[in-house]
Structure formats: C-alpha cells, structure tokens
Amino acid sequence: MNPIARISLILPLIAGALLLSSCASSYNKAFDQSAAEYSAGKVKSPEGAWEGTWTTSTNGHTGPIRAIVSEDLDKPGHYDFKYRASWNNFFSGTFNVNYAAKRRGGSYLVNGSEDLGPFGEFQHDAIITPSRFSASYKKNGGEEIGAFQMKRPAKQ
C-alpha cells in the first residue's frame, strides 16, 4: 500500500479518537465541577453528580455510568440529565434528556421516554434520594430490559 493510501486510512481513525477523547474530557470536567458544587452545598438533591453501573438484563451487558443532574430553570419541575455510559470499557456515549421529577417526601420520582432513533424509544423510571439514584429502563413500551444504580461520587 502506498503512503498516501495509508494516510487516508489512518487519518480518519486519528480524528475520531481525538474527537472522542475531547468529548470525554469535556464531560469529565463538567462532572468534577458538578461533584464539587454538590459537596460544597451549592446544589441540592437530585442535582449534582452521580456514578455507578448499568446492566442490561436481556444480554448481560454492563458497564460504568455517570450522570450530571441540573434543574431546568425554564421548565419548573424538570431536570436535565446528562449521562455518559461505557460498554466493555471500550466504547462510550453521552446522551442528554429532560424529564419531570415529582417530589415525594425526601425522594424524587422521575419518569420519561426518549426516542433514540434506530435504537427505538426507551422509557426510564427512577427514584432519586439524596444518596441513591436507582432506575430501570425498557424499550418500546415492553418489559424492563435493564437498570442502573448510582450513588454520589467519593469526595476528593
């Protein structure tokens, strides 16, 4: 293979790797900031940083998940959830959703759905306490296909 052909094959791989690492770096910086704000008492539950694991019951896939929760100031009672999940510690993805949260005592109940295009529509049901974030998810209105459990990150 000639050098120009090699470069044309390698260049997109390098660009993709740089883009993914940039996205991860940006998310990690925002996550650390959110964790610090929660630790300093600047935001209250359910806001702030969360981390844990997700599991899909249909195929056994699992991996780490993080979330940054912030109040939506334009929509009272709604929160922005910025998730970052990893699969096999190889591929990571970030997705953002906005769901209504109903306060029940010291907990928040969160229900919502999101159309993920070719992956279908996913429904999300969660209970968030000041120290735990437990959720289940299902696809296209069917049976539960997975869950995630998160807690507050360790103070640094």
Protein backbone atom coordinates (compact mmCIF):
# COMPACT_ATOMS: atom_id res chain seq x y z
CA MET A 1 0.00 0.00 0.00
CA ASN A 2 1.41 3.40 -0.94
CA PRO A 3 1.99 6.06 1.77
CA ILE A 4 -0.89 8.28 0.63
CA ALA A 5 -3.34 5.39 0.85
CA ARG A 6 -2.08 4.57 4.36
CA ILE A 7 -2.51 8.17 5.48
CA SER A 8 -6.04 8.29 4.04
CA LEU A 9 -6.92 5.20 6.11
CA ILE A 10 -5.22 6.29 9.33
CA LEU A 11 -6.24 9.97 9.34
CA PRO A 12 -9.99 9.33 9.97
CA LEU A 13 -9.12 6.95 12.82
CA ILE A 14 -6.89 9.54 14.47
CA ALA A 15 -9.51 12.28 14.02
CA GLY A 16 -12.21 10.04 15.51
CA ALA A 17 -10.04 9.16 18.50
CA LEU A 18 -9.26 12.82 19.16
CA LEU A 19 -12.93 13.76 18.93
CA LEU A 20 -13.98 11.01 21.36
CA SER A 21 -11.25 11.90 23.85
CA SER A 22 -12.23 15.57 23.63
CA CYS A 23 -15.88 14.72 24.40
CA ALA A 24 -14.84 12.53 27.34
CA SER A 25 -12.52 15.24 28.67
CA SER A 26 -15.24 17.88 28.45
CA TYR A 27 -17.77 15.64 30.20
CA ASN A 28 -15.28 14.66 32.92
CA LYS A 29 -14.51 18.32 33.62
CA ALA A 30 -18.24 19.12 33.92
CA PHE A 31 -18.72 16.04 36.13
CA ASP A 32 -15.92 17.09 38.50
CA GLN A 33 -17.37 20.62 38.68
CA SER A 34 -20.85 19.23 39.44
CA ALA A 35 -19.45 16.93 42.15
CA ALA A 36 -17.62 19.87 43.76
CA GLU A 37 -20.76 22.04 43.70
CA TYR A 38 -22.80 19.31 45.38
CA SER A 39 -20.09 18.70 48.02
CA ALA A 40 -19.93 22.43 48.74
CA GLY A 41 -23.70 22.56 49.26
CA LYS A 42 -24.29 24.80 46.23
CA VAL A 43 -26.95 22.46 44.81
CA LYS A 44 -29.44 20.09 46.46
CA SER A 45 -30.60 16.63 45.55
CA PRO A 46 -31.50 15.44 42.98
CA GLU A 47 -28.97 17.81 41.37
CA GLY A 48 -25.27 17.14 41.14
CA ALA A 49 -23.01 14.31 40.07
CA TRP A 50 -23.83 10.58 40.26
CA GLU A 51 -21.86 7.47 39.32
CA GLY A 52 -22.43 3.74 39.26
CA THR A 53 -23.12 0.88 36.88
CA TRP A 54 -25.75 -0.08 34.33
CA THR A 55 -26.83 -3.60 33.42
CA THR A 56 -28.96 -4.93 30.61
CA SER A 57 -30.92 -7.97 31.75
CA THR A 58 -31.60 -9.24 28.22
CA ASN A 59 -27.95 -9.85 27.30
CA GLY A 60 -25.92 -9.33 30.50
CA HIS A 61 -24.04 -6.30 29.17
CA THR A 62 -22.87 -3.95 31.90
CA GLY A 63 -20.57 -1.01 32.39
CA PRO A 64 -19.95 2.23 34.26
CA ILE A 65 -22.38 5.13 34.06
CA ARG A 66 -22.21 8.72 35.25
CA ALA A 67 -24.84 11.43 35.37
CA ILE A 68 -24.92 15.16 35.90
CA VAL A 69 -28.35 16.37 37.03
CA SER A 70 -29.32 20.02 36.94
CA GLU A 71 -32.59 21.86 37.36
CA ASP A 72 -34.15 23.20 34.16
CA LEU A 73 -34.74 26.85 35.03
CA ASP A 74 -37.07 27.29 32.03
CA LYS A 75 -39.35 24.37 32.94
CA PRO A 76 -40.25 24.19 36.65
CA GLY A 77 -40.25 20.64 37.98
CA HIS A 78 -38.00 19.40 35.16
CA TYR A 79 -34.36 18.37 35.30
CA ASP A 80 -31.65 17.92 32.70
CA PHE A 81 -29.89 14.54 32.90
CA LYS A 82 -26.53 14.29 31.13
CA TYR A 83 -25.49 10.63 31.06
CA ARG A 84 -22.20 9.10 30.00
CA ALA A 85 -22.06 5.31 29.80
CA SER A 86 -19.33 2.92 28.71
CA TRP A 87 -19.62 -0.52 27.15
CA ASN A 88 -16.84 -3.04 27.81
CA ASN A 89 -14.57 -0.12 28.79
CA PHE A 90 -14.09 0.37 25.06
CA PHE A 91 -16.94 2.45 23.65
CA SER A 92 -18.55 5.37 25.48
CA GLY A 93 -21.52 7.51 24.67
CA THR A 94 -23.12 10.61 26.11
CA PHE A 95 -26.80 11.45 25.91
CA ASN A 96 -28.94 14.21 27.36
CA VAL A 97 -32.59 14.05 28.38
CA ASN A 98 -35.02 16.33 30.19
CA TYR A 99 -37.60 14.72 32.49
CA ALA A 100 -40.14 15.91 35.01
CA ALA A 101 -39.39 14.93 38.62
CA LYS A 102 -42.08 14.70 41.30
CA ARG A 103 -41.02 15.12 44.89
CA ARG A 104 -42.37 12.52 47.33
CA GLY A 105 -41.05 13.14 50.84
CA GLY A 106 -37.26 13.04 50.63
CA SER A 107 -37.26 11.31 47.23
CA TYR A 108 -37.88 12.27 43.61
CA LEU A 109 -39.79 10.10 41.15
CA VAL A 110 -38.64 10.54 37.58
CA ASN A 111 -40.41 9.09 34.55
CA GLY A 112 -39.78 9.82 30.93
CA SER A 113 -39.07 8.45 27.50
CA GLU A 114 -36.68 9.31 24.72
CA ASP A 115 -36.67 8.35 21.06
CA LEU A 116 -33.16 7.15 20.23
CA GLY A 117 -33.77 6.84 16.51
CA PRO A 118 -32.70 3.47 15.12
CA PHE A 119 -32.33 2.10 18.68
CA GLY A 120 -36.03 2.64 19.45
CA GLU A 121 -37.82 4.50 22.21
CA PHE A 122 -36.54 3.99 25.74
CA GLN A 123 -38.59 4.58 28.88
CA HIS A 124 -36.89 5.47 32.15
CA ASP A 125 -38.35 5.16 35.67
CA ALA A 126 -36.19 6.32 38.57
CA ILE A 127 -36.22 7.00 42.28
CA ILE A 128 -33.65 9.50 43.49
CA THR A 129 -32.85 10.04 47.16
CA PRO A 130 -30.10 12.33 48.46
CA SER A 131 -27.62 9.41 48.30
CA ARG A 132 -29.03 6.90 45.75
CA PHE A 133 -30.21 7.05 42.14
CA SER A 134 -31.95 3.83 41.06
CA ALA A 135 -33.55 3.46 37.65
CA SER A 136 -34.98 0.84 35.34
CA TYR A 137 -35.44 1.14 31.63
CA LYS A 138 -37.44 -0.59 28.95
CA LYS A 139 -37.60 -0.36 25.19
CA ASN A 140 -40.66 0.42 23.05
CA GLY A 141 -43.11 0.02 25.95
CA GLY A 142 -42.13 -3.59 26.55
CA GLU A 143 -40.79 -5.36 29.62
CA GLU A 144 -37.91 -4.00 31.66
CA ILE A 145 -34.61 -4.63 29.89
CA GLY A 146 -32.16 -3.13 32.34
CA ALA A 147 -31.34 -0.95 35.29
CA PHE A 148 -28.69 1.30 36.70
CA GLN A 149 -27.67 2.09 40.24
CA MET A 150 -25.72 5.20 41.14
CA LYS A 151 -24.51 6.98 44.24
CA ARG A 152 -22.67 10.20 44.92
CA PRO A 153 -19.00 10.17 43.91
CA ALA A 154 -16.43 9.95 46.66
CA LYS A 155 -15.25 13.35 47.88
CA GLN A 156 -11.82 14.26 46.61
